[in-house]
Amino acid sequence: MTKTQSKCNLKLKREIAKVGMSASLGILTLSAFMLKNKSARKAHVAAGIALIGFSYWHHKLYQSNKKERTVVQNAAPRIKTIKAITR
C-alpha cells in the first residue's frame, strides 16, 4: 500500500468514525424520549455502547506516532514563553 492510499484509507476511517458517532448520538437522543418502551430502552443502551466505541475509535485514529507527539510537546514551552513576552 502506498503512502497516498494509506492517507486516503485513514481519511475514510475517520469519516466512518464521525458518521458512526453522529448516528449513534442521534439514536441515543431519540430513544431517550421513549424509554418506557422496552425495545427503545434496548436501542438506547445499544446506541450508548456504540457511541462509546465510535468515540474511542475516533480518538485512536487521531493519535499520531511518538515522534510527532514529541515535537509538539517540545514546542509547547516556547509558545508559553512567547505569550509571556508579548504580554
N, C-alpha and C. Protein backbone atom coordinates (compact mmCIF):
# COMPACT_ATOMS: atom_id res chain seq x y z
N MET A 1 0.85 -1.17 0.00
CA MET A 1 0.00 0.00 0.00
C MET A 1 0.90 1.24 0.00
N THR A 2 0.62 2.18 -0.87
CA THR A 2 1.43 3.38 -0.96
C THR A 2 1.01 4.38 0.12
N LYS A 3 1.82 5.43 0.25
CA LYS A 3 1.53 6.44 1.25
C LYS A 3 0.21 7.16 0.98
N THR A 4 -0.05 7.42 -0.29
CA THR A 4 -1.29 8.10 -0.67
C THR A 4 -2.50 7.24 -0.36
N GLN A 5 -2.39 5.94 -0.64
CA GLN A 5 -3.51 5.04 -0.35
C GLN A 5 -3.76 4.95 1.14
N SER A 6 -2.68 4.91 1.94
CA SER A 6 -2.88 4.81 3.39
C SER A 6 -3.50 6.08 3.94
N LYS A 7 -3.13 7.26 3.37
CA LYS A 7 -3.76 8.51 3.82
C LYS A 7 -5.24 8.54 3.46
N CYS A 8 -5.58 8.08 2.25
CA CYS A 8 -6.99 8.01 1.85
C CYS A 8 -7.75 7.04 2.74
N ASN A 9 -7.10 5.92 3.05
CA ASN A 9 -7.72 4.92 3.91
C ASN A 9 -7.95 5.50 5.31
N LEU A 10 -6.98 6.25 5.83
CA LEU A 10 -7.13 6.87 7.14
C LEU A 10 -8.24 7.90 7.13
N LYS A 11 -8.32 8.70 6.08
CA LYS A 11 -9.41 9.69 5.96
C LYS A 11 -10.76 9.02 5.93
N LEU A 12 -10.86 7.90 5.21
CA LEU A 12 -12.11 7.16 5.13
C LEU A 12 -12.50 6.61 6.50
N LYS A 13 -11.54 6.06 7.22
CA LYS A 13 -11.82 5.53 8.56
C LYS A 13 -12.27 6.64 9.50
N ARG A 14 -11.62 7.81 9.40
CA ARG A 14 -12.01 8.94 10.24
C ARG A 14 -13.44 9.38 9.93
N GLU A 15 -13.76 9.41 8.65
CA GLU A 15 -15.11 9.82 8.24
C GLU A 15 -16.16 8.81 8.73
N ILE A 16 -15.84 7.53 8.63
CA ILE A 16 -16.76 6.49 9.10
C ILE A 16 -16.96 6.61 10.61
N ALA A 17 -15.89 6.90 11.34
CA ALA A 17 -16.00 7.06 12.79
C ALA A 17 -16.89 8.25 13.13
N LYS A 18 -16.74 9.36 12.40
CA LYS A 18 -17.56 10.54 12.66
C LYS A 18 -19.03 10.28 12.36
N VAL A 19 -19.29 9.62 11.24
CA VAL A 19 -20.67 9.30 10.87
C VAL A 19 -21.28 8.34 11.90
N GLY A 20 -20.50 7.38 12.33
CA GLY A 20 -20.98 6.43 13.34
C GLY A 20 -21.30 7.11 14.66
N MET A 21 -20.44 8.05 15.06
CA MET A 21 -20.71 8.79 16.29
C MET A 21 -21.98 9.62 16.16
N SER A 22 -22.15 10.26 15.01
CA SER A 22 -23.34 11.09 14.79
C SER A 22 -24.61 10.24 14.79
N ALA A 23 -24.56 9.12 14.11
CA ALA A 23 -25.74 8.25 14.03
C ALA A 23 -26.10 7.69 15.40
N SER A 24 -25.10 7.21 16.13
CA SER A 24 -25.39 6.63 17.44
C SER A 24 -25.86 7.71 18.42
N LEU A 25 -25.34 8.93 18.30
CA LEU A 25 -25.82 10.01 19.16
C LEU A 25 -27.26 10.38 18.83
N GLY A 26 -27.60 10.37 17.54
CA GLY A 26 -28.98 10.64 17.15
C GLY A 26 -29.95 9.59 17.68
N ILE A 27 -29.57 8.33 17.54
CA ILE A 27 -30.42 7.24 18.05
C ILE A 27 -30.53 7.32 19.57
N LEU A 28 -29.42 7.64 20.21
CA LEU A 28 -29.42 7.77 21.67
C LEU A 28 -30.37 8.88 22.12
N THR A 29 -30.34 10.00 21.42
CA THR A 29 -31.21 11.13 21.76
C THR A 29 -32.68 10.80 21.52
N LEU A 30 -32.96 10.25 20.35
CA LEU A 30 -34.36 9.94 20.03
C LEU A 30 -34.93 8.85 20.93
N SER A 31 -34.13 7.85 21.25
CA SER A 31 -34.64 6.77 22.09
C SER A 31 -34.81 7.21 23.54
N ALA A 32 -34.16 8.31 23.93
CA ALA A 32 -34.30 8.81 25.31
C ALA A 32 -35.72 9.28 25.58
N PHE A 33 -36.43 9.71 24.53
CA PHE A 33 -37.80 10.18 24.70
C PHE A 33 -38.80 9.04 24.83
N MET A 34 -38.37 7.81 24.52
CA MET A 34 -39.29 6.67 24.53
C MET A 34 -38.81 5.55 25.46
N LEU A 35 -38.23 5.89 26.59
CA LEU A 35 -37.63 4.88 27.45
C LEU A 35 -38.65 3.95 28.12
N LYS A 36 -39.91 4.29 28.09
CA LYS A 36 -40.93 3.39 28.66
C LYS A 36 -41.14 2.16 27.79
N ASN A 37 -40.82 2.28 26.52
CA ASN A 37 -40.93 1.16 25.58
C ASN A 37 -39.70 0.27 25.75
N LYS A 38 -39.92 -1.05 25.84
CA LYS A 38 -38.83 -1.98 26.11
C LYS A 38 -37.81 -2.02 24.96
N SER A 39 -38.28 -2.00 23.73
CA SER A 39 -37.36 -2.05 22.59
C SER A 39 -36.57 -0.73 22.47
N ALA A 40 -37.20 0.38 22.81
CA ALA A 40 -36.50 1.66 22.78
C ALA A 40 -35.42 1.71 23.85
N ARG A 41 -35.69 1.08 24.98
CA ARG A 41 -34.69 1.03 26.06
C ARG A 41 -33.47 0.24 25.62
N LYS A 42 -33.72 -0.88 24.93
CA LYS A 42 -32.60 -1.69 24.42
C LYS A 42 -31.81 -0.93 23.36
N ALA A 43 -32.53 -0.21 22.50
CA ALA A 43 -31.87 0.60 21.47
C ALA A 43 -31.05 1.71 22.11
N HIS A 44 -31.57 2.27 23.20
CA HIS A 44 -30.87 3.34 23.91
C HIS A 44 -29.55 2.84 24.49
N VAL A 45 -29.58 1.68 25.10
CA VAL A 45 -28.36 1.10 25.68
C VAL A 45 -27.38 0.73 24.57
N ALA A 46 -27.87 0.13 23.51
CA ALA A 46 -27.00 -0.26 22.39
C ALA A 46 -26.37 0.97 21.73
N ALA A 47 -27.15 2.03 21.56
CA ALA A 47 -26.62 3.26 20.97
C ALA A 47 -25.58 3.90 21.87
N GLY A 48 -25.78 3.83 23.17
CA GLY A 48 -24.80 4.37 24.11
C GLY A 48 -23.48 3.62 24.03
N ILE A 49 -23.56 2.30 23.95
CA ILE A 49 -22.35 1.49 23.82
C ILE A 49 -21.67 1.76 22.49
N ALA A 50 -22.46 1.89 21.43
CA ALA A 50 -21.90 2.20 20.10
C ALA A 50 -21.22 3.56 20.11
N LEU A 51 -21.82 4.54 20.79
CA LEU A 51 -21.22 5.87 20.86
C LEU A 51 -19.86 5.83 21.56
N ILE A 52 -19.79 5.07 22.63
CA ILE A 52 -18.51 4.92 23.33
C ILE A 52 -17.48 4.26 22.43
N GLY A 53 -17.89 3.22 21.71
CA GLY A 53 -16.97 2.52 20.81
C GLY A 53 -16.49 3.40 19.66
N PHE A 54 -17.42 4.13 19.02
CA PHE A 54 -17.03 5.01 17.94
C PHE A 54 -16.15 6.16 18.44
N SER A 55 -16.44 6.66 19.63
CA SER A 55 -15.63 7.74 20.20
C SER A 55 -14.20 7.28 20.46
N TYR A 56 -14.06 6.08 21.00
CA TYR A 56 -12.73 5.54 21.26
C TYR A 56 -11.98 5.32 19.94
N TRP A 57 -12.67 4.77 18.95
CA TRP A 57 -12.05 4.53 17.64
C TRP A 57 -11.63 5.86 17.01
N HIS A 58 -12.49 6.86 17.10
CA HIS A 58 -12.19 8.19 16.57
C HIS A 58 -10.95 8.76 17.26
N HIS A 59 -10.88 8.61 18.57
CA HIS A 59 -9.73 9.09 19.33
C HIS A 59 -8.44 8.39 18.88
N LYS A 60 -8.49 7.10 18.72
CA LYS A 60 -7.31 6.34 18.31
C LYS A 60 -6.88 6.68 16.88
N LEU A 61 -7.81 7.03 16.02
CA LEU A 61 -7.45 7.37 14.64
C LEU A 61 -6.69 8.70 14.56
N TYR A 62 -6.88 9.56 15.54
CA TYR A 62 -6.20 10.85 15.53
C TYR A 62 -4.92 10.85 16.35
N GLN A 63 -4.55 9.72 16.91
CA GLN A 63 -3.29 9.63 17.64
C GLN A 63 -2.16 9.53 16.64
N SER A 64 -1.15 10.34 16.81
CA SER A 64 -0.01 10.29 15.90
C SER A 64 1.08 9.41 16.51
N ASN A 65 2.12 9.21 15.74
CA ASN A 65 3.20 8.38 16.27
C ASN A 65 4.00 9.17 17.30
N LYS A 66 4.91 8.50 17.99
CA LYS A 66 5.61 9.10 19.12
C LYS A 66 6.49 10.27 18.70
N LYS A 67 7.11 10.22 17.53
CA LYS A 67 7.97 11.30 17.07
C LYS A 67 7.20 12.61 16.95
N GLU A 68 6.04 12.57 16.33
CA GLU A 68 5.25 13.77 16.13
C GLU A 68 4.78 14.36 17.45
N ARG A 69 4.41 13.51 18.40
CA ARG A 69 3.97 14.00 19.69
C ARG A 69 5.12 14.69 20.42
N THR A 70 6.34 14.16 20.30
CA THR A 70 7.49 14.75 20.95
C THR A 70 7.75 16.15 20.41
N VAL A 71 7.63 16.32 19.11
CA VAL A 71 7.85 17.63 18.50
C VAL A 71 6.84 18.64 19.05
N VAL A 72 5.59 18.24 19.14
CA VAL A 72 4.55 19.14 19.65
C VAL A 72 4.79 19.45 21.12
N GLN A 73 5.18 18.46 21.91
CA GLN A 73 5.43 18.69 23.32
C GLN A 73 6.63 19.62 23.52
N ASN A 74 7.65 19.51 22.68
CA ASN A 74 8.81 20.38 22.79
C ASN A 74 8.48 21.80 22.38
N ALA A 75 7.49 21.99 21.53
CA ALA A 75 7.11 23.32 21.08
C ALA A 75 6.28 24.05 22.13
N ALA A 76 5.61 23.34 23.01
CA ALA A 76 4.72 23.96 23.97
C ALA A 76 5.41 24.96 24.90
N PRO A 77 6.58 24.67 25.49
CA PRO A 77 7.23 25.66 26.36
C PRO A 77 7.60 26.94 25.61
N ARG A 78 7.98 26.82 24.35
CA ARG A 78 8.33 28.00 23.56
C ARG A 78 7.11 28.89 23.36
N ILE A 79 5.97 28.27 23.13
CA ILE A 79 4.74 29.04 22.92
C ILE A 79 4.39 29.80 24.19
N LYS A 80 4.52 29.16 25.35
CA LYS A 80 4.24 29.83 26.61
C LYS A 80 5.19 31.01 26.82
N THR A 81 6.47 30.81 26.46
CA THR A 81 7.45 31.88 26.62
C THR A 81 7.10 33.06 25.71
N ILE A 82 6.71 32.79 24.48
CA ILE A 82 6.34 33.85 23.55
C ILE A 82 5.13 34.61 24.07
N LYS A 83 4.15 33.90 24.59
CA LYS A 83 2.96 34.56 25.13
C LYS A 83 3.33 35.45 26.32
N ALA A 84 4.26 34.99 27.18
CA ALA A 84 4.66 35.76 28.35
C ALA A 84 5.40 37.03 27.93
N ILE A 85 6.19 36.96 26.88
CA ILE A 85 6.96 38.11 26.41
C ILE A 85 6.04 39.16 25.81
N THR A 86 5.01 38.72 25.09
CA THR A 86 4.13 39.66 24.41
C THR A 86 3.15 40.34 25.34
N ARG A 87 2.98 39.87 26.53
CA ARG A 87 2.02 40.48 27.47
C ARG A 87 2.54 41.71 28.09
